[in-house]
PDB file of N, CA and C in Angstrom:
ATOM      1  N   MET A   1      -3.469  19.436 -28.147  1.00  0.00           N
ATOM      2  CA  MET A   1      -2.100  18.868 -27.862  1.00  0.00           C
ATOM      3  C   MET A   1      -2.151  17.695 -26.902  1.00  0.00           C
ATOM      4  N   GLY A   2      -3.198  17.700 -25.993  1.00  0.00           N
ATOM      5  CA  GLY A   2      -3.047  16.583 -25.006  1.00  0.00           C
ATOM      6  C   GLY A   2      -3.639  15.629 -25.585  1.00  0.00           C
ATOM      7  N   ALA A   3      -4.502  15.636 -26.437  1.00  0.00           N
ATOM      8  CA  ALA A   3      -5.267  14.408 -27.116  1.00  0.00           C
ATOM      9  C   ALA A   3      -4.154  13.638 -28.021  1.00  0.00           C
ATOM     10  N   LEU A   4      -3.289  14.468 -28.533  1.00  0.00           N
ATOM     11  CA  LEU A   4      -2.433  13.839 -29.367  1.00  0.00           C
ATOM     12  C   LEU A   4      -1.319  12.916 -28.540  1.00  0.00           C
ATOM     13  N   ARG A   5      -1.030  13.480 -27.386  1.00  0.00           N
ATOM     14  CA  ARG A   5      -0.099  12.806 -26.606  1.00  0.00           C
ATOM     15  C   ARG A   5      -0.740  11.559 -26.030  1.00  0.00           C
ATOM     16  N   VAL A   6      -1.954  11.651 -25.675  1.00  0.00           N
ATOM     17  CA  VAL A   6      -2.652  10.363 -25.239  1.00  0.00           C
ATOM     18  C   VAL A   6      -2.790   9.392 -26.380  1.00  0.00           C
ATOM     19  N   ALA A   7      -3.239   9.812 -27.621  1.00  0.00           N
ATOM     20  CA  ALA A   7      -3.049   9.071 -28.772  1.00  0.00           C
ATOM     21  C   ALA A   7      -1.846   8.334 -29.060  1.00  0.00           C
ATOM     22  N   LEU A   8      -0.694   8.930 -28.955  1.00  0.00           N
ATOM     23  CA  LEU A   8       0.536   8.571 -29.088  1.00  0.00           C
ATOM     24  C   LEU A   8       1.024   7.535 -27.973  1.00  0.00           C
ATOM     25  N   LEU A   9       0.592   7.883 -26.913  1.00  0.00           N
ATOM     26  CA  LEU A   9       0.895   6.977 -25.641  1.00  0.00           C
ATOM     27  C   LEU A   9       0.157   5.603 -25.865  1.00  0.00           C
ATOM     28  N   PHE A  10      -1.201   5.662 -26.078  1.00  0.00           N
ATOM     29  CA  PHE A  10      -1.720   4.367 -26.429  1.00  0.00           C
ATOM     30  C   PHE A  10      -1.470   3.605 -27.625  1.00  0.00           C
ATOM     31  N   GLY A  11      -0.992   4.402 -28.759  1.00  0.00           N
ATOM     32  CA  GLY A  11      -0.622   3.670 -29.782  1.00  0.00           C
ATOM     33  C   GLY A  11       0.706   2.881 -29.743  1.00  0.00           C
ATOM     34  N   SER A  12       1.640   3.701 -28.891  1.00  0.00           N
ATOM     35  CA  SER A  12       3.052   2.987 -28.668  1.00  0.00           C
ATOM     36  C   SER A  12       2.835   1.959 -27.671  1.00  0.00           C
ATOM     37  N   ALA A  13       1.771   1.931 -26.746  1.00  0.00           N
ATOM     38  CA  ALA A  13       1.722   0.874 -25.836  1.00  0.00           C
ATOM     39  C   ALA A  13       0.966  -0.394 -26.636  1.00  0.00           C
ATOM     40  N   ALA A  14       0.175  -0.012 -27.535  1.00  0.00           N
ATOM     41  CA  ALA A  14      -0.389  -1.237 -28.404  1.00  0.00           C
ATOM     42  C   ALA A  14       0.788  -1.816 -29.304  1.00  0.00           C
ATOM     43  N   VAL A  15       1.625  -1.047 -29.856  1.00  0.00           N
ATOM     44  CA  VAL A  15       2.722  -1.499 -30.613  1.00  0.00           C
ATOM     45  C   VAL A  15       3.662  -2.468 -29.807  1.00  0.00           C
ATOM     46  N   ALA A  16       4.097  -1.842 -28.502  1.00  0.00           N
ATOM     47  CA  ALA A  16       4.879  -2.655 -27.704  1.00  0.00           C
ATOM     48  C   ALA A  16       4.208  -3.883 -27.354  1.00  0.00           C
ATOM     49  N   LEU A  17       2.816  -3.880 -27.024  1.00  0.00           N
ATOM     50  CA  LEU A  17       2.189  -5.195 -26.394  1.00  0.00           C
ATOM     51  C   LEU A  17       2.216  -6.101 -27.637  1.00  0.00           C
ATOM     52  N   THR A  18       2.111  -5.710 -28.769  1.00  0.00           N
ATOM     53  CA  THR A  18       1.854  -6.650 -29.926  1.00  0.00           C
ATOM     54  C   THR A  18       3.224  -7.142 -30.254  1.00  0.00           C
ATOM     55  N   LEU A  19       4.398  -6.483 -30.026  1.00  0.00           N
ATOM     56  CA  LEU A  19       5.703  -7.025 -30.312  1.00  0.00           C
ATOM     57  C   LEU A  19       6.071  -8.036 -29.201  1.00  0.00           C
ATOM     58  N   ILE A  20       5.461  -7.888 -28.090  1.00  0.00           N
ATOM     59  CA  ILE A  20       5.769  -8.881 -26.844  1.00  0.00           C
ATOM     60  C   ILE A  20       5.013 -10.182 -26.942  1.00  0.00           C
ATOM     61  N   LEU A  21       3.693  -9.991 -27.343  1.00  0.00           N
ATOM     62  CA  LEU A  21       2.677 -10.967 -27.349  1.00  0.00           C
ATOM     63  C   LEU A  21       2.615 -11.962 -28.491  1.00  0.00           C
ATOM     64  N   THR A  22       3.081 -11.394 -29.753  1.00  0.00           N
ATOM     65  CA  THR A  22       3.116 -12.150 -31.105  1.00  0.00           C
ATOM     66  C   THR A  22       3.962 -13.360 -30.869  1.00  0.00           C
ATOM     67  N   PRO A  23       5.183 -13.256 -30.599  1.00  0.00           N
ATOM     68  CA  PRO A  23       5.891 -14.546 -30.312  1.00  0.00           C
ATOM     69  C   PRO A  23       5.384 -15.485 -29.543  1.00  0.00           C
ATOM     70  N   MET A  24       4.946 -15.142 -28.344  1.00  0.00           N
ATOM     71  CA  MET A  24       4.478 -15.789 -27.409  1.00  0.00           C
ATOM     72  C   MET A  24       3.130 -16.815 -27.918  1.00  0.00           C
ATOM     73  N   LEU A  25       2.224 -15.980 -28.591  1.00  0.00           N
ATOM     74  CA  LEU A  25       1.189 -16.825 -29.025  1.00  0.00           C
ATOM     75  C   LEU A  25       1.408 -17.548 -30.289  1.00  0.00           C
ATOM     76  N   GLU A  26       2.335 -17.244 -31.032  1.00  0.00           N
ATOM     77  CA  GLU A  26       2.864 -18.044 -32.165  1.00  0.00           C
ATOM     78  C   GLU A  26       3.305 -19.347 -31.816  1.00  0.00           C
ATOM     79  N   ASP A  27       4.186 -19.317 -30.661  1.00  0.00           N
ATOM     80  CA  ASP A  27       4.867 -20.567 -30.046  1.00  0.00           C
ATOM     81  C   ASP A  27       3.560 -21.308 -29.451  1.00  0.00           C
ATOM     82  N   ARG A  28       2.724 -20.871 -28.858  1.00  0.00           N
ATOM     83  CA  ARG A  28       1.576 -21.637 -28.305  1.00  0.00           C
ATOM     84  C   ARG A  28       0.648 -22.306 -29.342  1.00  0.00           C
ATOM     85  N   THR A  29       0.618 -21.429 -30.446  1.00  0.00           N
ATOM     86  CA  THR A  29      -0.233 -22.092 -31.605  1.00  0.00           C
ATOM     87  C   THR A  29       0.325 -23.152 -32.395  1.00  0.00           C
ATOM     88  N   ARG A  30       1.729 -23.099 -32.402  1.00  0.00           N
ATOM     89  CA  ARG A  30       2.592 -24.266 -33.111  1.00  0.00           C
ATOM     90  C   ARG A  30       2.328 -25.416 -32.211  1.00  0.00           C
ATOM     91  N   ARG A  31       2.479 -25.324 -30.792  1.00  0.00           N
ATOM     92  CA  ARG A  31       2.358 -26.415 -29.927  1.00  0.00           C
ATOM     93  C   ARG A  31       1.122 -27.119 -30.084  1.00  0.00           C
ATOM     94  N   VAL A  32       0.000 -26.239 -30.314  1.00  0.00           N
ATOM     95  CA  VAL A  32      -1.263 -26.925 -30.484  1.00  0.00           C
ATOM     96  C   VAL A  32      -1.378 -27.713 -31.699  1.00  0.00           C
ATOM     97  N   ALA A  33      -0.925 -26.983 -32.938  1.00  0.00           N
ATOM     98  CA  ALA A  33      -1.099 -27.572 -34.197  1.00  0.00           C
ATOM     99  C   ALA A  33      -0.290 -28.764 -34.280  1.00  0.00           C
ATOM    100  N   TYR A  34       1.077 -28.974 -33.754  1.00  0.00           N
ATOM    101  CA  TYR A  34       1.943 -30.000 -33.868  1.00  0.00           C
ATOM    102  C   TYR A  34       2.335 -30.313 -32.490  1.00  0.00           C
ATOM    103  N   PRO A  35       1.433 -31.262 -31.812  1.00  0.00           N
ATOM    104  CA  PRO A  35       1.868 -31.351 -30.503  1.00  0.00           C
ATOM    105  C   PRO A  35       3.174 -32.110 -30.185  1.00  0.00           C
ATOM    106  N   ALA A  36       3.609 -33.004 -31.102  1.00  0.00           N
ATOM    107  CA  ALA A  36       4.776 -33.783 -30.893  1.00  0.00           C
ATOM    108  C   ALA A  36       5.944 -33.260 -31.797  1.00  0.00           C
ATOM    109  N   GLY A  37       5.707 -32.054 -32.295  1.00  0.00           N
ATOM    110  CA  GLY A  37       6.718 -31.339 -33.364  1.00  0.00           C
ATOM    111  C   GLY A  37       6.845 -32.089 -34.520  1.00  0.00           C
ATOM    112  N   ILE A  38       5.680 -32.777 -34.900  1.00  0.00           N
ATOM    113  CA  ILE A  38       5.865 -33.461 -36.181  1.00  0.00           C
ATOM    114  C   ILE A  38       5.214 -32.616 -37.279  1.00  0.00           C
ATOM    115  N   ASP A  39       6.036 -32.397 -38.417  1.00  0.00           N
ATOM    116  CA  ASP A  39       5.591 -31.781 -39.671  1.00  0.00           C
ATOM    117  C   ASP A  39       4.868 -32.934 -40.435  1.00  0.00           C
ATOM    118  N   MET A  40       3.779 -32.407 -40.904  1.00  0.00           N
ATOM    119  CA  MET A  40       2.896 -33.495 -41.690  1.00  0.00           C
ATOM    120  C   MET A  40       3.303 -33.720 -43.182  1.00  0.00           C
ATOM    121  N   MET A  41       4.184 -32.890 -43.678  1.00  0.00           N
ATOM    122  CA  MET A  41       4.796 -32.946 -45.036  1.00  0.00           C
ATOM    123  C   MET A  41       5.515 -34.347 -45.111  1.00  0.00           C
ATOM    124  N   ALA A  42       5.297 -35.111 -46.105  1.00  0.00           N
ATOM    125  CA  ALA A  42       6.210 -36.314 -46.108  1.00  0.00           C
ATOM    126  C   ALA A  42       7.081 -36.371 -47.419  1.00  0.00           C
ATOM    127  N   THR A  43       8.404 -36.374 -47.316  1.00  0.00           N
ATOM    128  CA  THR A  43       9.183 -36.423 -48.379  1.00  0.00           C
ATOM    129  C   THR A  43      10.298 -37.446 -47.884  1.00  0.00           C
ATOM    130  N   GLY A  44      10.714 -38.282 -48.907  1.00  0.00           N
ATOM    131  CA  GLY A  44      11.714 -39.231 -48.746  1.00  0.00           C
ATOM    132  C   GLY A  44      12.550 -39.750 -49.888  1.00  0.00           C
ATOM    133  N   SER A  45      13.740 -40.369 -49.721  1.00  0.00           N
ATOM    134  CA  SER A  45      14.576 -40.786 -50.790  1.00  0.00           C
ATOM    135  C   SER A  45      14.696 -42.220 -50.583  1.00  0.00           C
ATOM    136  N   ILE A  46      14.949 -42.948 -51.703  1.00  0.00           N
ATOM    137  CA  ILE A  46      15.126 -44.243 -51.643  1.00  0.00           C
ATOM    138  C   ILE A  46      16.533 -44.485 -52.457  1.00  0.00           C
ATOM    139  N   GLY A  47      17.267 -44.958 -51.763  1.00  0.00           N
ATOM    140  CA  GLY A  47      18.650 -45.344 -52.209  1.00  0.00           C
ATOM    141  C   GLY A  47      19.654 -44.097 -52.125  1.00  0.00           C
ATOM    142  N   GLN A  48      20.794 -44.141 -52.716  1.00  0.00           N
ATOM    143  CA  GLN A  48      21.730 -43.107 -52.579  1.00  0.00           C
ATOM    144  C   GLN A  48      21.741 -42.359 -53.928  1.00  0.00           C
ATOM    145  N   ARG A  49      22.302 -41.160 -53.875  1.00  0.00           N
ATOM    146  CA  ARG A  49      22.655 -40.442 -54.990  1.00  0.00           C
ATOM    147  C   ARG A  49      23.445 -40.942 -56.214  1.00  0.00           C
ATOM    148  N   SER A  50      24.263 -41.661 -55.711  1.00  0.00           N
ATOM    149  CA  SER A  50      25.242 -42.409 -56.608  1.00  0.00           C
ATOM    150  C   SER A  50      24.782 -43.708 -57.299  1.00  0.00           C
ATOM    151  N   ASN A  51      23.625 -44.067 -56.580  1.00  0.00           N
ATOM    152  CA  ASN A  51      22.782 -45.139 -57.198  1.00  0.00           C
ATOM    153  C   ASN A  51      22.125 -44.771 -58.411  1.00  0.00           C
ATOM    154  N   PRO A  52      22.368 -45.496 -59.619  1.00  0.00           N
ATOM    155  CA  PRO A  52      21.623 -45.029 -60.875  1.00  0.00           C
ATOM    156  C   PRO A  52      20.094 -45.169 -60.808  1.00  0.00           C
ATOM    157  N   GLY A  53      19.641 -45.905 -59.783  1.00  0.00           N
ATOM    158  CA  GLY A  53      18.161 -46.135 -59.835  1.00  0.00           C
ATOM    159  C   GLY A  53      17.509 -45.250 -58.656  1.00  0.00           C
ATOM    160  N   ALA A  54      18.281 -44.350 -58.090  1.00  0.00           N
ATOM    161  CA  ALA A  54      17.698 -43.387 -57.041  1.00  0.00           C
ATOM    162  C   ALA A  54      16.551 -42.563 -57.485  1.00  0.00           C
ATOM    163  N   TYR A  55      15.714 -42.437 -56.622  1.00  0.00           N
ATOM    164  CA  TYR A  55      14.424 -41.605 -56.944  1.00  0.00           C
ATOM    165  C   TYR A  55      14.034 -40.944 -55.561  1.00  0.00           C
ATOM    166  N   THR A  56      13.137 -39.950 -55.656  1.00  0.00           N
ATOM    167  CA  THR A  56      12.647 -39.243 -54.505  1.00  0.00           C
ATOM    168  C   THR A  56      11.188 -39.304 -54.652  1.00  0.00           C
ATOM    169  N   ILE A  57      10.314 -39.824 -53.666  1.00  0.00           N
ATOM    170  CA  ILE A  57       8.903 -39.738 -53.497  1.00  0.00           C
ATOM    171  C   ILE A  57       8.470 -38.463 -52.762  1.00  0.00           C
ATOM    172  N   ARG A  58       7.749 -37.642 -53.381  1.00  0.00           N
ATOM    173  CA  ARG A  58       7.001 -36.508 -52.727  1.00  0.00           C
ATOM    174  C   ARG A  58       5.716 -36.578 -52.714  1.00  0.00           C
ATOM    175  N   ARG A  59       5.154 -36.264 -51.546  1.00  0.00           N
ATOM    176  CA  ARG A  59       3.631 -36.014 -51.262  1.00  0.00           C
ATOM    177  C   ARG A  59       3.552 -34.426 -50.610  1.00  0.00           C
ATOM    178  N   SER A  60       2.388 -33.782 -51.055  1.00  0.00           N
ATOM    179  CA  SER A  60       2.300 -32.449 -50.632  1.00  0.00           C
ATOM    180  C   SER A  60       0.923 -32.191 -50.481  1.00  0.00           C
ATOM    181  N   VAL A  61       0.536 -31.243 -49.481  1.00  0.00           N
ATOM    182  CA  VAL A  61      -0.895 -30.673 -49.340  1.00  0.00           C
ATOM    183  C   VAL A  61      -1.196 -29.920 -50.516  1.00  0.00           C
ATOM    184  N   LEU A  62      -0.284 -29.522 -51.458  1.00  0.00           N
ATOM    185  CA  LEU A  62      -0.618 -28.664 -52.636  1.00  0.00           C
ATOM    186  C   LEU A  62      -0.915 -29.452 -53.799  1.00  0.00           C
ATOM    187  N   GLN A  63      -0.861 -30.821 -53.821  1.00  0.00           N
ATOM    188  CA  GLN A  63      -1.226 -31.747 -54.828  1.00  0.00           C
ATOM    189  C   GLN A  63      -2.683 -32.010 -54.817  1.00  0.00           C
ATOM    190  N   PRO A  64      -3.448 -32.096 -55.962  1.00  0.00           N
ATOM    191  CA  PRO A  64      -4.878 -32.354 -55.994  1.00  0.00           C
ATOM    192  C   PRO A  64      -5.345 -33.138 -55.030  1.00  0.00           C
ATOM    193  N   SER A  65      -4.873 -34.454 -54.793  1.00  0.00           N
ATOM    194  CA  SER A  65      -5.570 -35.410 -53.846  1.00  0.00           C
ATOM    195  C   SER A  65      -4.619 -35.650 -52.866  1.00  0.00           C
ATOM    196  N   PRO A  66      -5.312 -36.057 -51.699  1.00  0.00           N
ATOM    197  CA  PRO A  66      -4.347 -36.311 -50.509  1.00  0.00           C
ATOM    198  C   PRO A  66      -3.495 -37.604 -50.694  1.00  0.00           C
ATOM    199  N   ASN A  67      -3.948 -38.499 -51.799  1.00  0.00           N
ATOM    200  CA  ASN A  67      -3.108 -39.803 -52.064  1.00  0.00           C
ATOM    201  C   ASN A  67      -2.164 -39.562 -53.206  1.00  0.00           C
ATOM    202  N   ALA A  68      -2.172 -38.254 -53.695  1.00  0.00           N
ATOM    203  CA  ALA A  68      -1.132 -38.090 -54.814  1.00  0.00           C
ATOM    204  C   ALA A  68       0.185 -38.239 -54.589  1.00  0.00           C
ATOM    205  N   VAL A  69       0.966 -38.896 -55.260  1.00  0.00           N
ATOM    206  CA  VAL A  69       2.375 -39.113 -55.157  1.00  0.00           C
ATOM    207  C   VAL A  69       3.200 -38.656 -56.314  1.00  0.00           C
ATOM    208  N   CYS A  70       4.208 -37.983 -56.160  1.00  0.00           N
ATOM    209  CA  CYS A  70       5.007 -37.390 -57.212  1.00  0.00           C
ATOM    210  C   CYS A  70       6.482 -38.282 -57.036  1.00  0.00           C
ATOM    211  N   ILE A  71       7.005 -38.980 -58.018  1.00  0.00           N
ATOM    212  CA  ILE A  71       8.144 -39.658 -58.055  1.00  0.00           C
ATOM    213  C   ILE A  71       9.116 -38.990 -59.050  1.00  0.00           C
ATOM    214  N   LEU A  72      10.268 -38.460 -58.415  1.00  0.00           N
ATOM    215  CA  LEU A  72      11.400 -37.668 -59.199  1.00  0.00           C
ATOM    216  C   LEU A  72      12.515 -38.713 -59.203  1.00  0.00           C
ATOM    217  N   ARG A  73      12.861 -38.824 -60.622  1.00  0.00           N
ATOM    218  CA  ARG A  73      13.894 -39.819 -60.856  1.00  0.00           C
ATOM    219  C   ARG A  73      15.330 -38.817 -60.805  1.00  0.00           C
ATOM    220  N   ASP A  74      16.409 -39.444 -60.572  1.00  0.00           N
ATOM    221  CA  ASP A  74      17.738 -38.726 -60.553  1.00  0.00           C
ATOM    222  C   ASP A  74      17.939 -38.107 -61.904  1.00  0.00           C
ATOM    223  N   ASN A  75      17.558 -38.607 -62.829  1.00  0.00           N
ATOM    224  CA  ASN A  75      17.746 -38.054 -64.338  1.00  0.00           C
ATOM    225  C   ASN A  75      16.904 -36.773 -64.580  1.00  0.00           C
ATOM    226  N   GLY A  76      16.062 -36.402 -63.815  1.00  0.00           N
ATOM    227  CA  GLY A  76      15.171 -35.251 -63.889  1.00  0.00           C
ATOM    228  C   GLY A  76      13.772 -35.624 -64.456  1.00  0.00           C
ATOM    229  N   MET A  77      13.480 -36.895 -64.608  1.00  0.00           N
ATOM    230  CA  MET A  77      12.170 -37.207 -65.257  1.00  0.00           C
ATOM    231  C   MET A  77      11.183 -37.429 -63.993  1.00  0.00           C
ATOM    232  N   SER A  78       9.962 -37.234 -64.084  1.00  0.00           N
ATOM    233  CA  SER A  78       9.031 -37.140 -63.032  1.00  0.00           C
ATOM    234  C   SER A  78       7.861 -38.165 -63.489  1.00  0.00           C
ATOM    235  N   THR A  79       7.265 -38.895 -62.585  1.00  0.00           N
ATOM    236  CA  THR A  79       6.046 -39.457 -62.902  1.00  0.00           C
ATOM    237  C   THR A  79       5.167 -39.166 -61.790  1.00  0.00           C
ATOM    238  N   GLY A  80       3.781 -39.697 -62.010  1.00  0.00           N
ATOM    239  CA  GLY A  80       2.776 -39.647 -60.953  1.00  0.00           C
ATOM    240  C   GLY A  80       2.118 -38.209 -61.072  1.00  0.00           C
ATOM    241  N   ASP A  81       1.581 -37.755 -59.889  1.00  0.00           N
ATOM    242  CA  ASP A  81       1.046 -36.517 -59.721  1.00  0.00           C
ATOM    243  C   ASP A  81       1.818 -35.348 -59.386  1.00  0.00           C
ATOM    244  N   CYS A  82       2.639 -34.856 -60.328  1.00  0.00           N
ATOM    245  CA  CYS A  82       3.814 -33.835 -59.987  1.00  0.00           C
ATOM    246  C   CYS A  82       3.188 -32.521 -60.398  1.00  0.00           C
TER     247      CYS A  82
END
């Protein structure tokens, strides 16, 4: 019975420590990965939505090449590496 109590004590201490340390370490990791708070995903729009020639340029880390560009037109058509 005493071994069970010791195991529960250390188990609950490990869970409490994990709940406290995880947010602190996550914040520190984020500051190292993005020192200036910059998100490396680039998305932008040219023109306004009411403009008939409006389009969106999208680049993503999920695209096959780092230089791949996807152009989304306001009418739903897409060109490039989408």
